[in-house]
Amino acid sequence: GNSHAAGRAKVIATQLNRNARMELCRLQGVEYSYGSIYAAIEPVLLPDLLALTGGEHGQNELYRMLVATAPNLTSLINKKSMLKETIARNTARMTALTAEYTRQAAAQTSAFFNQASNLTAENFDLSRRLESIESGENTKSTFVERRINMNMCGKKRRRSASF
């Protein structure tokens, strides 16, 4: 119970603190090497030690410990499994991207055909109105020409009758 917690606190305070270890080495007349303490520790325990160090002694100490233990930590990684997981994750992302592209392309195609259909219908209506106007102008111009001709003919008749 308490003796275990006290021993743990002592290790964290002394052995996981670079400054405390440097002082202990100096007092014992031993040459200090930052990475030497970690060489004897099983790599499986290193993640827990990193967590304790970062929590108790801050980021600077955590960074130094990471630098010293990086080679041992990489030995814990199952590279084959990691590569397979990355390939699977990338494949899933590509599938999602393809699905999103297909959805957006379908939406764009639908919007295009809706707009094209609306413009075609509008052009059809405009063409019918134009034909109606043109045929009405022809009728009006024919009507006007007939009136002018009738008036001219009537004037000629009146003139010839007055002679």
N, C-alpha and C. Protein backbone atom coordinates (compact mmCIF):
# COMPACT_ATOMS: atom_id res chain seq x y z
N GLY A 1 0.79 -1.18 0.00
CA GLY A 1 0.00 0.00 0.00
C GLY A 1 0.83 1.25 0.00
N ASN A 2 1.08 1.81 1.24
CA ASN A 2 1.75 3.10 1.38
C ASN A 2 3.23 3.02 1.03
N SER A 3 3.88 1.91 1.38
CA SER A 3 5.31 1.80 1.08
C SER A 3 5.53 1.70 -0.44
N HIS A 4 4.60 1.04 -1.13
CA HIS A 4 4.69 0.95 -2.60
C HIS A 4 4.52 2.33 -3.23
N ALA A 5 3.56 3.10 -2.75
CA ALA A 5 3.32 4.45 -3.27
C ALA A 5 4.50 5.35 -2.97
N ALA A 6 5.09 5.20 -1.78
CA ALA A 6 6.25 6.02 -1.41
C ALA A 6 7.45 5.68 -2.28
N GLY A 7 7.68 4.38 -2.53
CA GLY A 7 8.78 3.96 -3.39
C GLY A 7 8.59 4.47 -4.82
N ARG A 8 7.38 4.39 -5.29
CA ARG A 8 7.07 4.90 -6.64
C ARG A 8 7.34 6.39 -6.74
N ALA A 9 6.88 7.14 -5.75
CA ALA A 9 7.09 8.58 -5.74
C ALA A 9 8.58 8.91 -5.71
N LYS A 10 9.36 8.12 -4.96
CA LYS A 10 10.81 8.36 -4.86
C LYS A 10 11.49 8.11 -6.22
N VAL A 11 11.09 7.03 -6.90
CA VAL A 11 11.67 6.73 -8.23
C VAL A 11 11.31 7.83 -9.21
N ILE A 12 10.06 8.24 -9.19
CA ILE A 12 9.63 9.30 -10.12
C ILE A 12 10.40 10.59 -9.84
N ALA A 13 10.55 10.92 -8.56
CA ALA A 13 11.22 12.17 -8.19
C ALA A 13 12.72 12.14 -8.48
N THR A 14 13.33 10.99 -8.36
CA THR A 14 14.80 10.93 -8.53
C THR A 14 15.22 10.37 -9.88
N GLN A 15 14.83 9.15 -10.16
CA GLN A 15 15.35 8.49 -11.35
C GLN A 15 14.75 9.01 -12.66
N LEU A 16 13.55 9.55 -12.63
CA LEU A 16 12.93 10.07 -13.86
C LEU A 16 13.14 11.57 -14.03
N ASN A 17 13.97 12.13 -13.16
CA ASN A 17 14.27 13.55 -13.26
C ASN A 17 15.75 13.68 -13.59
N ARG A 18 16.04 14.25 -14.73
CA ARG A 18 17.42 14.37 -15.22
C ARG A 18 18.31 15.09 -14.22
N ASN A 19 17.86 16.18 -13.68
CA ASN A 19 18.68 16.96 -12.74
C ASN A 19 18.99 16.16 -11.47
N ALA A 20 18.00 15.45 -10.96
CA ALA A 20 18.23 14.64 -9.75
C ALA A 20 19.22 13.51 -10.05
N ARG A 21 19.09 12.87 -11.21
CA ARG A 21 20.03 11.79 -11.57
C ARG A 21 21.44 12.33 -11.75
N MET A 22 21.57 13.52 -12.35
CA MET A 22 22.90 14.12 -12.53
C MET A 22 23.55 14.35 -11.16
N GLU A 23 22.78 14.84 -10.22
CA GLU A 23 23.31 15.11 -8.88
C GLU A 23 23.70 13.81 -8.17
N LEU A 24 22.87 12.77 -8.30
CA LEU A 24 23.19 11.48 -7.69
C LEU A 24 24.46 10.89 -8.30
N CYS A 25 24.61 10.98 -9.60
CA CYS A 25 25.83 10.49 -10.27
C CYS A 25 27.05 11.26 -9.78
N ARG A 26 26.92 12.57 -9.64
CA ARG A 26 28.03 13.41 -9.16
C ARG A 26 28.43 12.99 -7.75
N LEU A 27 27.44 12.79 -6.88
CA LEU A 27 27.70 12.39 -5.49
C LEU A 27 28.39 11.01 -5.41
N GLN A 28 28.04 10.12 -6.35
CA GLN A 28 28.60 8.76 -6.34
C GLN A 28 29.88 8.67 -7.16
N GLY A 29 30.24 9.75 -7.84
CA GLY A 29 31.45 9.75 -8.64
C GLY A 29 31.32 8.93 -9.91
N VAL A 30 30.10 8.83 -10.41
CA VAL A 30 29.82 8.06 -11.64
C VAL A 30 29.58 9.04 -12.78
N GLU A 31 30.09 8.69 -13.95
CA GLU A 31 29.87 9.55 -15.12
C GLU A 31 28.40 9.47 -15.53
N TYR A 32 27.82 10.63 -15.74
CA TYR A 32 26.39 10.70 -16.10
C TYR A 32 26.22 10.57 -17.61
N SER A 33 25.31 9.71 -18.00
CA SER A 33 24.92 9.56 -19.41
C SER A 33 23.40 9.49 -19.43
N TYR A 34 22.78 10.41 -20.11
CA TYR A 34 21.32 10.52 -20.05
C TYR A 34 20.63 9.22 -20.45
N GLY A 35 21.05 8.60 -21.54
CA GLY A 35 20.37 7.42 -22.04
C GLY A 35 20.70 6.15 -21.29
N SER A 36 21.73 6.17 -20.43
CA SER A 36 22.17 4.94 -19.76
C SER A 36 21.09 4.32 -18.89
N ILE A 37 20.29 5.12 -18.24
CA ILE A 37 19.24 4.57 -17.36
C ILE A 37 18.21 3.80 -18.17
N TYR A 38 17.93 4.25 -19.36
CA TYR A 38 16.87 3.63 -20.15
C TYR A 38 17.34 2.37 -20.87
N ALA A 39 18.62 2.19 -21.02
CA ALA A 39 19.14 1.01 -21.71
C ALA A 39 18.78 -0.27 -20.97
N ALA A 40 18.69 -0.22 -19.66
CA ALA A 40 18.41 -1.42 -18.86
C ALA A 40 16.91 -1.65 -18.67
N ILE A 41 16.08 -0.75 -19.14
CA ILE A 41 14.62 -0.86 -18.94
C ILE A 41 14.01 -1.59 -20.14
N GLU A 42 13.11 -2.51 -19.85
CA GLU A 42 12.41 -3.23 -20.91
C GLU A 42 11.62 -2.23 -21.77
N PRO A 43 11.73 -2.32 -23.10
CA PRO A 43 11.01 -1.39 -23.97
C PRO A 43 9.50 -1.36 -23.72
N VAL A 44 8.91 -2.46 -23.28
CA VAL A 44 7.47 -2.50 -23.02
C VAL A 44 7.08 -1.53 -21.90
N LEU A 45 7.99 -1.25 -20.98
CA LEU A 45 7.71 -0.35 -19.86
C LEU A 45 7.90 1.13 -20.22
N LEU A 46 8.58 1.39 -21.31
CA LEU A 46 8.91 2.78 -21.67
C LEU A 46 7.69 3.68 -21.86
N PRO A 47 6.61 3.25 -22.51
CA PRO A 47 5.46 4.15 -22.63
C PRO A 47 4.92 4.62 -21.28
N ASP A 48 4.88 3.71 -20.30
CA ASP A 48 4.42 4.10 -18.96
C ASP A 48 5.39 5.09 -18.32
N LEU A 49 6.69 4.84 -18.49
CA LEU A 49 7.69 5.77 -17.93
C LEU A 49 7.59 7.15 -18.60
N LEU A 50 7.35 7.14 -19.90
CA LEU A 50 7.18 8.43 -20.60
C LEU A 50 5.98 9.19 -20.05
N ALA A 51 4.90 8.48 -19.80
CA ALA A 51 3.70 9.13 -19.26
C ALA A 51 3.98 9.70 -17.87
N LEU A 52 4.65 8.93 -17.03
CA LEU A 52 4.98 9.41 -15.68
C LEU A 52 5.91 10.62 -15.74
N THR A 53 6.91 10.53 -16.60
CA THR A 53 7.88 11.62 -16.71
C THR A 53 7.21 12.90 -17.20
N GLY A 54 6.41 12.78 -18.24
CA GLY A 54 5.72 13.97 -18.78
C GLY A 54 4.78 14.58 -17.77
N GLY A 55 4.09 13.72 -17.01
CA GLY A 55 3.13 14.22 -16.02
C GLY A 55 3.79 14.87 -14.83
N GLU A 56 4.95 14.35 -14.40
CA GLU A 56 5.60 14.85 -13.18
C GLU A 56 6.65 15.92 -13.44
N HIS A 57 7.36 15.83 -14.57
CA HIS A 57 8.52 16.69 -14.77
C HIS A 57 8.42 17.62 -15.99
N GLY A 58 7.31 17.59 -16.67
CA GLY A 58 7.09 18.55 -17.76
C GLY A 58 7.59 18.08 -19.13
N GLN A 59 7.33 18.92 -20.10
CA GLN A 59 7.60 18.57 -21.49
C GLN A 59 9.08 18.53 -21.83
N ASN A 60 9.86 19.36 -21.21
CA ASN A 60 11.29 19.38 -21.51
C ASN A 60 11.91 18.02 -21.16
N GLU A 61 11.59 17.52 -19.98
CA GLU A 61 12.12 16.22 -19.55
C GLU A 61 11.55 15.09 -20.42
N LEU A 62 10.28 15.20 -20.76
CA LEU A 62 9.64 14.20 -21.63
C LEU A 62 10.34 14.16 -22.99
N TYR A 63 10.63 15.31 -23.56
CA TYR A 63 11.31 15.38 -24.85
C TYR A 63 12.69 14.70 -24.77
N ARG A 64 13.44 15.01 -23.75
CA ARG A 64 14.77 14.40 -23.60
C ARG A 64 14.67 12.88 -23.46
N MET A 65 13.65 12.44 -22.73
CA MET A 65 13.48 11.00 -22.56
C MET A 65 13.09 10.35 -23.89
N LEU A 66 12.23 11.01 -24.64
CA LEU A 66 11.84 10.47 -25.96
C LEU A 66 13.05 10.32 -26.87
N VAL A 67 13.90 11.33 -26.88
CA VAL A 67 15.11 11.27 -27.71
C VAL A 67 15.97 10.07 -27.31
N ALA A 68 16.12 9.86 -26.01
CA ALA A 68 16.97 8.77 -25.52
C ALA A 68 16.35 7.40 -25.75
N THR A 69 15.03 7.31 -25.77
CA THR A 69 14.38 5.99 -25.85
C THR A 69 13.78 5.69 -27.22
N ALA A 70 13.88 6.60 -28.16
CA ALA A 70 13.25 6.39 -29.47
C ALA A 70 13.63 5.06 -30.12
N PRO A 71 14.90 4.69 -30.16
CA PRO A 71 15.23 3.39 -30.79
C PRO A 71 14.53 2.21 -30.10
N ASN A 72 14.46 2.24 -28.78
CA ASN A 72 13.79 1.15 -28.06
C ASN A 72 12.28 1.17 -28.29
N LEU A 73 11.70 2.35 -28.41
CA LEU A 73 10.26 2.46 -28.65
C LEU A 73 9.90 1.95 -30.04
N THR A 74 10.74 2.23 -31.01
CA THR A 74 10.43 1.77 -32.37
C THR A 74 10.47 0.25 -32.46
N SER A 75 11.20 -0.39 -31.58
CA SER A 75 11.21 -1.86 -31.61
C SER A 75 9.87 -2.43 -31.17
N LEU A 76 9.06 -1.64 -30.48
CA LEU A 76 7.74 -2.09 -30.04
C LEU A 76 6.71 -2.08 -31.17
N ILE A 77 6.99 -1.34 -32.20
CA ILE A 77 6.02 -1.14 -33.27
C ILE A 77 6.04 -2.34 -34.22
N ASN A 78 4.86 -2.86 -34.49
CA ASN A 78 4.71 -3.93 -35.47
C ASN A 78 4.56 -3.24 -36.83
N LYS A 79 5.66 -3.10 -37.53
CA LYS A 79 5.68 -2.33 -38.77
C LYS A 79 4.75 -2.93 -39.83
N LYS A 80 4.72 -4.24 -39.92
CA LYS A 80 3.87 -4.90 -40.91
C LYS A 80 2.40 -4.57 -40.63
N SER A 81 2.01 -4.68 -39.39
CA SER A 81 0.63 -4.36 -39.00
C SER A 81 0.32 -2.89 -39.22
N MET A 82 1.28 -2.03 -38.89
CA MET A 82 1.09 -0.60 -39.07
C MET A 82 0.88 -0.26 -40.55
N LEU A 83 1.69 -0.86 -41.42
CA LEU A 83 1.56 -0.61 -42.85
C LEU A 83 0.21 -1.11 -43.38
N LYS A 84 -0.21 -2.28 -42.92
CA LYS A 84 -1.51 -2.81 -43.35
C LYS A 84 -2.65 -1.90 -42.89
N GLU A 85 -2.57 -1.41 -41.66
CA GLU A 85 -3.60 -0.51 -41.14
C GLU A 85 -3.63 0.79 -41.92
N THR A 86 -2.46 1.32 -42.27
CA THR A 86 -2.39 2.56 -43.03
C THR A 86 -2.98 2.36 -44.43
N ILE A 87 -2.65 1.24 -45.06
CA ILE A 87 -3.20 0.94 -46.39
C ILE A 87 -4.73 0.83 -46.30
N ALA A 88 -5.23 0.14 -45.29
CA ALA A 88 -6.68 -0.01 -45.11
C ALA A 88 -7.35 1.35 -44.88
N ARG A 89 -6.72 2.19 -44.05
CA ARG A 89 -7.27 3.52 -43.78
C ARG A 89 -7.28 4.37 -45.05
N ASN A 90 -6.19 4.32 -45.83
CA ASN A 90 -6.14 5.08 -47.08
C ASN A 90 -7.17 4.57 -48.08
N THR A 91 -7.35 3.25 -48.15
CA THR A 91 -8.35 2.68 -49.06
C THR A 91 -9.75 3.13 -48.67
N ALA A 92 -10.04 3.15 -47.38
CA ALA A 92 -11.35 3.61 -46.91
C ALA A 92 -11.56 5.09 -47.25
N ARG A 93 -10.52 5.88 -47.09
CA ARG A 93 -10.62 7.31 -47.43
C ARG A 93 -10.84 7.50 -48.93
N MET A 94 -10.14 6.68 -49.76
CA MET A 94 -10.32 6.77 -51.21
C MET A 94 -11.75 6.37 -51.60
N THR A 95 -12.29 5.34 -50.96
CA THR A 95 -13.66 4.92 -51.22
C THR A 95 -14.65 6.04 -50.86
N ALA A 96 -14.43 6.66 -49.73
CA ALA A 96 -15.29 7.77 -49.30
C ALA A 96 -15.17 8.94 -50.27
N LEU A 97 -13.95 9.25 -50.72
CA LEU A 97 -13.76 10.34 -51.68
C LEU A 97 -14.47 10.03 -53.00
N THR A 98 -14.36 8.79 -53.45
CA THR A 98 -15.02 8.40 -54.70
C THR A 98 -16.53 8.51 -54.57
N ALA A 99 -17.07 8.08 -53.44
CA ALA A 99 -18.51 8.18 -53.21
C ALA A 99 -18.95 9.65 -53.18
N GLU A 100 -18.18 10.49 -52.54
CA GLU A 100 -18.51 11.92 -52.48
C GLU A 100 -18.43 12.55 -53.87
N TYR A 101 -17.40 12.18 -54.63
CA TYR A 101 -17.27 12.68 -56.00
C TYR A 101 -18.47 12.26 -56.84
N THR A 102 -18.85 10.99 -56.74
CA THR A 102 -20.00 10.48 -57.50
C THR A 102 -21.27 11.24 -57.13
N ARG A 103 -21.46 11.47 -55.83
CA ARG A 103 -22.65 12.20 -55.37
C ARG A 103 -22.66 13.62 -55.92
N GLN A 104 -21.51 14.30 -55.83
CA GLN A 104 -21.44 15.68 -56.32
C GLN A 104 -21.60 15.74 -57.83
N ALA A 105 -21.00 14.78 -58.55
CA ALA A 105 -21.12 14.75 -60.01
C ALA A 105 -22.58 14.54 -60.42
N ALA A 106 -23.27 13.64 -59.73
CA ALA A 106 -24.68 13.40 -60.03
C ALA A 106 -25.52 14.65 -59.77
N ALA A 107 -25.23 15.33 -58.67
CA ALA A 107 -25.96 16.56 -58.35
C ALA A 107 -25.68 17.64 -59.40
N GLN A 108 -24.42 17.76 -59.82
CA GLN A 108 -24.06 18.75 -60.84
C GLN A 108 -24.72 18.42 -62.17
N THR A 109 -24.71 17.13 -62.54
CA THR A 109 -25.32 16.71 -63.81
C THR A 109 -26.82 16.99 -63.78
N SER A 110 -27.46 16.68 -62.67
CA SER A 110 -28.89 16.94 -62.54
C SER A 110 -29.18 18.44 -62.64
N ALA A 111 -28.38 19.25 -61.97
CA ALA A 111 -28.56 20.71 -62.04
C ALA A 111 -28.35 21.21 -63.46
N PHE A 112 -27.35 20.68 -64.15
CA PHE A 112 -27.09 21.09 -65.53
C PHE A 112 -28.28 20.78 -66.42
N PHE A 113 -28.80 19.55 -66.34
CA PHE A 113 -29.92 19.17 -67.20
C PHE A 113 -31.18 19.95 -66.84
N ASN A 114 -31.39 20.27 -65.57
CA ASN A 114 -32.53 21.11 -65.18
C ASN A 114 -32.42 22.49 -65.81
N GLN A 115 -31.23 23.09 -65.71
CA GLN A 115 -31.03 24.42 -66.29
C GLN A 115 -31.16 24.39 -67.81
N ALA A 116 -30.58 23.37 -68.44
CA ALA A 116 -30.68 23.25 -69.90
C ALA A 116 -32.12 23.07 -70.33
N SER A 117 -32.87 22.26 -69.59
CA SER A 117 -34.29 22.04 -69.90
C SER A 117 -35.08 23.33 -69.76
N ASN A 118 -34.81 24.08 -68.69
CA ASN A 118 -35.50 25.36 -68.49
C ASN A 118 -35.18 26.35 -69.60
N LEU A 119 -33.92 26.41 -70.01
CA LEU A 119 -33.53 27.32 -71.09
C LEU A 119 -34.14 26.90 -72.43
N THR A 120 -34.22 25.61 -72.69
CA THR A 120 -34.84 25.11 -73.92
C THR A 120 -36.32 25.47 -73.95
N ALA A 121 -37.00 25.29 -72.81
CA ALA A 121 -38.43 25.64 -72.73
C ALA A 121 -38.62 27.14 -72.91
N GLU A 122 -37.74 27.93 -72.33
CA GLU A 122 -37.84 29.38 -72.48
C GLU A 122 -37.61 29.79 -73.93
N ASN A 123 -36.61 29.20 -74.59
CA ASN A 123 -36.36 29.50 -76.00
C ASN A 123 -37.54 29.09 -76.87
N PHE A 124 -38.19 27.97 -76.57
CA PHE A 124 -39.35 27.54 -77.32
C PHE A 124 -40.47 28.57 -77.20
N ASP A 125 -40.75 29.02 -75.96
CA ASP A 125 -41.78 30.04 -75.75
C ASP A 125 -41.43 31.35 -76.46
N LEU A 126 -40.16 31.75 -76.37
CA LEU A 126 -39.74 32.98 -77.03
C LEU A 126 -39.86 32.87 -78.55
N SER A 127 -39.54 31.71 -79.10
CA SER A 127 -39.67 31.51 -80.55
C SER A 127 -41.13 31.59 -80.98
N ARG A 128 -42.01 31.01 -80.20
CA ARG A 128 -43.46 31.09 -80.52
C ARG A 128 -43.93 32.54 -80.47
N ARG A 129 -43.48 33.29 -79.47
CA ARG A 129 -43.88 34.71 -79.39
C ARG A 129 -43.34 35.48 -80.58
N LEU A 130 -42.08 35.19 -80.95
CA LEU A 130 -41.47 35.86 -82.10
C LEU A 130 -42.24 35.55 -83.37
N GLU A 131 -42.61 34.28 -83.57
CA GLU A 131 -43.40 33.91 -84.75
C GLU A 131 -44.74 34.62 -84.76
N SER A 132 -45.32 34.71 -83.57
CA SER A 132 -46.61 35.39 -83.46
C SER A 132 -46.47 36.86 -83.81
N ILE A 133 -45.41 37.48 -83.32
CA ILE A 133 -45.17 38.91 -83.61
C ILE A 133 -44.91 39.10 -85.09
N GLU A 134 -44.06 38.21 -85.65
CA GLU A 134 -43.73 38.33 -87.07
C GLU A 134 -44.95 38.11 -87.94
N SER A 135 -45.78 37.15 -87.62
CA SER A 135 -46.98 36.92 -88.42
C SER A 135 -47.97 38.06 -88.22
N GLY A 136 -48.02 38.64 -87.04
CA GLY A 136 -48.88 39.79 -86.78
C GLY A 136 -48.39 41.01 -87.53
N GLU A 137 -47.09 41.21 -87.64
CA GLU A 137 -46.55 42.33 -88.40
C GLU A 137 -46.84 42.15 -89.87
N ASN A 138 -46.71 40.93 -90.35
CA ASN A 138 -47.04 40.69 -91.75
C ASN A 138 -48.50 40.99 -92.00
N THR A 139 -49.36 40.59 -91.10
CA THR A 139 -50.78 40.87 -91.23
C THR A 139 -51.02 42.36 -91.15
N LYS A 140 -50.37 43.03 -90.20
CA LYS A 140 -50.54 44.47 -90.06
C LYS A 140 -50.00 45.18 -91.28
N SER A 141 -48.80 44.76 -91.72
CA SER A 141 -48.24 45.46 -92.87
C SER A 141 -49.08 45.21 -94.11
N THR A 142 -49.63 44.01 -94.25
CA THR A 142 -50.52 43.74 -95.39
C THR A 142 -51.77 44.58 -95.27
N PHE A 143 -52.28 44.66 -94.04
CA PHE A 143 -53.48 45.47 -93.81
C PHE A 143 -53.20 46.94 -94.12
N VAL A 144 -52.07 47.45 -93.66
CA VAL A 144 -51.70 48.85 -93.90
C VAL A 144 -51.51 49.09 -95.39
N GLU A 145 -50.83 48.16 -96.04
CA GLU A 145 -50.62 48.32 -97.48
C GLU A 145 -51.95 48.33 -98.22
N ARG A 146 -52.89 47.49 -97.83
CA ARG A 146 -54.21 47.47 -98.47
C ARG A 146 -54.93 48.79 -98.25
N ARG A 147 -54.83 49.33 -97.03
CA ARG A 147 -55.50 50.60 -96.73
C ARG A 147 -54.90 51.71 -97.57
N ILE A 148 -53.57 51.69 -97.66
CA ILE A 148 -52.92 52.74 -98.46
C ILE A 148 -53.34 52.59 -99.92
N ASN A 149 -53.34 51.37 -100.41
CA ASN A 149 -53.75 51.14 -101.80
C ASN A 149 -55.20 51.55 -102.01
N MET A 150 -56.04 51.23 -101.04
CA MET A 150 -57.45 51.60 -101.17
C MET A 150 -57.61 53.11 -101.17
N ASN A 151 -56.86 53.76 -100.30
CA ASN A 151 -56.94 55.22 -100.24
C ASN A 151 -56.43 55.82 -101.54
N MET A 152 -55.37 55.27 -102.04
CA MET A 152 -54.81 55.80 -103.28
C MET A 152 -55.79 55.59 -104.43
N CYS A 153 -56.36 54.43 -104.44
CA CYS A 153 -57.31 54.14 -105.52
C CYS A 153 -58.52 55.04 -105.40
N GLY A 154 -58.95 55.28 -104.19
CA GLY A 154 -60.11 56.16 -103.98
C GLY A 154 -59.79 57.58 -104.39
N LYS A 155 -58.63 58.07 -104.15
CA LYS A 155 -58.24 59.42 -104.52
C LYS A 155 -58.18 59.54 -106.03
N LYS A 156 -57.65 58.47 -106.65
CA LYS A 156 -57.55 58.49 -108.11
C LYS A 156 -58.94 58.54 -108.71
N ARG A 157 -59.87 57.76 -108.12
CA ARG A 157 -61.23 57.77 -108.62
C ARG A 157 -61.87 59.13 -108.45
N ARG A 158 -61.64 59.73 -107.28
CA ARG A 158 -62.25 61.04 -107.06
C ARG A 158 -61.67 62.06 -108.02
N ARG A 159 -60.37 61.95 -108.24
CA ARG A 159 -59.76 62.91 -109.17
C ARG A 159 -60.28 62.69 -110.57
N SER A 160 -60.37 61.45 -110.95
CA SER A 160 -60.84 61.22 -112.31
C SER A 160 -62.33 61.56 -112.44
N ALA A 161 -63.07 61.45 -111.39
CA ALA A 161 -64.48 61.83 -111.45
C ALA A 161 -64.63 63.35 -111.47
N SER A 162 -63.69 64.04 -110.88
CA SER A 162 -63.82 65.49 -110.84
C SER A 162 -63.38 66.12 -112.15
N PHE A 163 -62.74 65.48 -113.05
CA PHE A 163 -62.33 66.07 -114.33
C PHE A 163 -63.42 66.07 -115.26
